[in-house]
Amino acid sequence: MRLSLALVHYPVLDRAGEAVTTAITNLDLHDMARSARTYGAERLFVVHPVAAQRALAERIREHWVLGSGKRRIPDRAVALDVLSVLPSLEDVYGALSSEGRAGVEVWTTAAASRGLPVTSYAETRARLAQASRPVLILFGTGWGLTPEIIADADLRIEPIRAAASTGYNHLSVRAACAITLDRLLGDRQHAG
């Protein structure tokens, strides 16, 4: 299994449904890298078109992987070493396969199905075990991935829902990442 994750900052939706670029959040980088490393994902890509934002993410990575952060908390260096910062999804596809998008199986996550067919976690686990191409799971920031990105996906993973409906479903992207990875790669023996 070759699994990577991408934290997409553009193109994503804002509250009004417009395509926008969101800002990089330090906590997202740390927590998603720690989840990626824990569950065995090969890489965590941060996708951002703005050079200053990419430089910020690179500085955070370098501090923990090469700088004084590594000396203080070596485990954080191991986690953040999976982080790669790129300007576009096309660059991510190229980093994963010489065939670009055609060589990558792209999966999306979402807080709602938006009327599109979704794949259960059980089916997604089985597909992951059989995948012949690298699998890339996209996580959107803001109010989620744009319809164009979702339409281009090979698979849409079912939304995360609590057993009891609270009427509220707005997890942080880092929490959604951890839950998704646990449902796909966690120890099923101890699952409820």
Protein backbone atom coordinates (compact mmCIF):
# COMPACT_ATOMS: atom_id res chain seq x y z
CA MET A 1 0.00 0.00 0.00
CA ARG A 2 1.32 3.39 -1.01
CA LEU A 3 -0.81 6.00 0.74
CA SER A 4 -0.24 9.75 0.86
CA LEU A 5 -2.36 12.64 2.08
CA ALA A 6 -2.82 16.17 0.76
CA LEU A 7 -4.02 19.16 2.75
CA VAL A 8 -5.51 21.40 0.05
CA HIS A 9 -5.62 25.18 0.58
CA TYR A 10 -6.59 25.97 -3.03
CA PRO A 11 -9.01 25.59 -4.63
CA VAL A 12 -11.40 25.24 -1.71
CA LEU A 13 -14.75 26.78 -0.92
CA ASP A 14 -15.63 29.64 1.37
CA ARG A 15 -18.89 29.98 3.31
CA ALA A 16 -20.65 31.41 0.22
CA GLY A 17 -19.48 28.54 -2.01
CA GLU A 18 -16.86 30.58 -3.87
CA ALA A 19 -13.44 29.14 -4.72
CA VAL A 20 -10.80 30.70 -2.47
CA THR A 21 -7.34 30.17 -1.01
CA THR A 22 -7.09 29.57 2.74
CA ALA A 23 -4.18 30.25 5.07
CA ILE A 24 -1.87 27.56 6.40
CA THR A 25 -2.41 26.71 10.06
CA ASN A 26 0.53 25.56 12.17
CA LEU A 27 -1.61 23.07 14.14
CA ASP A 28 -2.85 21.40 10.95
CA LEU A 29 0.72 20.72 9.86
CA HIS A 30 1.78 19.25 13.19
CA ASP A 31 -1.31 17.18 13.89
CA MET A 32 -1.80 15.83 10.38
CA ALA A 33 1.90 14.92 10.11
CA ARG A 34 1.69 13.08 13.42
CA SER A 35 -1.40 11.18 12.23
CA ALA A 36 0.22 10.42 8.86
CA ARG A 37 3.33 9.01 10.54
CA THR A 38 1.33 7.03 13.12
CA TYR A 39 -0.77 5.29 10.47
CA GLY A 40 2.02 4.75 7.95
CA ALA A 41 1.17 7.27 5.25
CA GLU A 42 4.24 7.88 3.12
CA ARG A 43 3.79 11.63 2.69
CA LEU A 44 1.65 14.56 3.70
CA PHE A 45 1.52 17.21 1.00
CA VAL A 46 0.52 20.76 1.80
CA VAL A 47 -0.89 22.37 -1.36
CA HIS A 48 -0.73 26.16 -1.48
CA PRO A 49 -0.28 28.47 -4.50
CA VAL A 50 1.11 31.44 -2.52
CA ALA A 51 4.90 31.40 -2.18
CA ALA A 52 4.89 33.20 1.20
CA GLN A 53 2.54 30.58 2.68
CA ARG A 54 4.67 27.73 1.30
CA ALA A 55 7.75 29.41 2.81
CA LEU A 56 5.98 29.54 6.19
CA ALA A 57 5.20 25.81 6.03
CA GLU A 58 8.80 25.06 4.99
CA ARG A 59 10.14 27.11 7.93
CA ILE A 60 7.93 25.17 10.33
CA ARG A 61 9.09 21.86 8.83
CA GLU A 62 12.77 22.87 8.90
CA HIS A 63 12.55 24.03 12.53
CA TRP A 64 11.29 20.62 13.62
CA VAL A 65 13.22 18.39 11.20
CA LEU A 66 16.59 20.17 11.12
CA GLY A 67 16.55 22.93 13.74
CA SER A 68 16.29 23.36 17.47
CA GLY A 69 12.84 21.75 17.53
CA LYS A 70 14.46 18.43 16.58
CA ARG A 71 16.86 18.66 19.53
CA ARG A 72 14.04 19.48 21.97
CA ILE A 73 11.38 17.06 20.70
CA PRO A 74 12.93 14.42 18.39
CA ASP A 75 9.60 12.63 17.87
CA ARG A 76 8.20 15.73 16.17
CA ALA A 77 11.06 15.59 13.64
CA VAL A 78 10.07 12.03 12.74
CA ALA A 79 6.48 13.16 12.15
CA LEU A 80 7.19 16.35 10.22
CA ASP A 81 9.69 14.59 7.99
CA VAL A 82 6.69 13.28 5.96
CA LEU A 83 5.69 16.86 5.07
CA SER A 84 6.16 18.20 1.52
CA VAL A 85 4.95 21.63 0.44
CA LEU A 86 3.89 22.13 -3.20
CA PRO A 87 2.04 24.84 -5.14
CA SER A 88 -0.62 22.69 -6.87
CA LEU A 89 -2.31 19.32 -6.99
CA GLU A 90 -0.68 18.73 -10.37
CA ASP A 91 2.70 19.02 -8.65
CA VAL A 92 1.55 16.48 -6.05
CA TYR A 93 0.44 14.03 -8.75
CA GLY A 94 3.83 14.45 -10.44
CA ALA A 95 5.64 13.79 -7.16
CA LEU A 96 3.73 10.52 -6.74
CA SER A 97 3.89 9.19 -10.30
CA SER A 98 5.78 9.85 -13.52
CA GLU A 99 2.37 9.53 -15.19
CA GLY A 100 0.98 12.49 -13.23
CA ARG A 101 -2.74 12.34 -12.41
CA ALA A 102 -3.24 9.17 -14.49
CA GLY A 103 -0.80 7.31 -12.26
CA VAL A 104 -2.48 8.26 -8.96
CA GLU A 105 -5.72 7.04 -7.41
CA VAL A 106 -7.30 10.19 -5.93
CA TRP A 107 -9.81 9.95 -3.08
CA THR A 108 -11.71 12.79 -1.45
CA THR A 109 -13.23 13.34 1.94
CA ALA A 110 -16.14 15.61 2.79
CA ALA A 111 -18.37 16.59 5.68
CA ALA A 112 -21.43 15.94 3.44
CA SER A 113 -22.07 13.75 0.41
CA ARG A 114 -23.50 16.70 -1.61
CA GLY A 115 -25.75 14.21 -3.39
CA LEU A 116 -22.81 12.33 -4.91
CA PRO A 117 -22.22 8.61 -4.52
CA VAL A 118 -19.88 7.79 -1.64
CA THR A 119 -17.94 4.68 -0.66
CA SER A 120 -18.21 3.20 2.83
CA TYR A 121 -15.15 2.88 5.01
CA ALA A 122 -15.36 -0.92 4.79
CA GLU A 123 -15.30 -0.82 0.99
CA THR A 124 -12.60 1.85 1.02
CA ARG A 125 -10.40 -0.31 3.31
CA ALA A 126 -10.75 -3.23 0.89
CA ARG A 127 -9.93 -1.03 -2.09
CA LEU A 128 -6.88 0.40 -0.32
CA ALA A 129 -5.57 -3.12 0.35
CA GLN A 130 -5.84 -3.91 -3.38
CA ALA A 131 -4.63 -0.58 -4.83
CA SER A 132 -2.02 -0.95 -7.56
CA ARG A 133 -1.40 2.80 -7.98
CA PRO A 134 -0.37 5.23 -5.24
CA VAL A 135 -3.44 6.43 -3.32
CA LEU A 136 -3.78 10.11 -2.43
CA ILE A 137 -6.48 11.21 0.01
CA LEU A 138 -7.41 14.89 -0.30
CA PHE A 139 -8.49 16.91 2.71
CA GLY A 140 -9.97 20.33 2.05
CA THR A 141 -9.62 23.40 4.22
CA GLY A 142 -12.17 26.22 4.47
CA TRP A 143 -15.63 24.87 3.62
CA GLY A 144 -14.27 21.93 1.63
CA LEU A 145 -12.93 20.93 -1.74
CA THR A 146 -14.36 22.51 -4.89
CA PRO A 147 -16.87 20.54 -6.98
CA GLU A 148 -14.26 20.19 -9.77
CA ILE A 149 -11.81 18.42 -7.47
CA ILE A 150 -14.55 16.17 -6.11
CA ALA A 151 -15.77 15.32 -9.62
CA ASP A 152 -12.22 14.37 -10.67
CA ALA A 153 -11.80 11.93 -7.75
CA ASP A 154 -11.68 8.18 -8.29
CA LEU A 155 -13.46 7.62 -4.97
CA ARG A 156 -15.38 9.74 -2.48
CA ILE A 157 -15.14 8.44 1.08
CA GLU A 158 -18.36 8.61 3.06
CA PRO A 159 -18.70 11.55 5.47
CA ILE A 160 -17.73 11.06 9.11
CA ARG A 161 -20.85 10.96 11.26
CA ALA A 162 -21.41 10.48 14.95
CA ALA A 163 -23.59 7.53 15.98
CA ALA A 164 -26.11 9.89 17.56
CA SER A 165 -27.12 12.83 15.39
CA THR A 166 -26.38 16.12 17.10
CA GLY A 167 -27.24 18.20 14.08
CA TYR A 168 -23.68 19.55 14.14
CA ASN A 169 -20.94 18.32 11.80
CA HIS A 170 -17.96 20.63 11.48
CA LEU A 171 -14.80 18.79 12.50
CA SER A 172 -11.41 20.41 12.14
CA VAL A 173 -9.50 19.06 9.16
CA ARG A 174 -6.88 17.58 11.50
CA ALA A 175 -9.55 15.69 13.48
CA ALA A 176 -11.16 14.46 10.25
CA CYS A 177 -7.76 13.27 9.05
CA ALA A 178 -7.11 11.29 12.24
CA ILE A 179 -10.57 9.70 12.19
CA THR A 180 -10.28 8.82 8.50
CA LEU A 181 -6.87 7.21 8.96
CA ASP A 182 -8.06 5.25 11.97
CA ARG A 183 -11.13 3.98 10.12
CA LEU A 184 -8.98 2.92 7.16
CA LEU A 185 -5.82 1.69 8.88
CA GLY A 186 -6.66 1.35 12.56
CA ASP A 187 -6.72 -1.86 14.54
CA ARG A 188 -10.12 -3.35 13.62
CA GLN A 189 -9.77 -5.86 16.43
CA HIS A 190 -10.27 -3.10 18.99
CA ALA A 191 -12.90 -1.15 17.05
CA GLY A 192 -16.28 -0.80 18.70
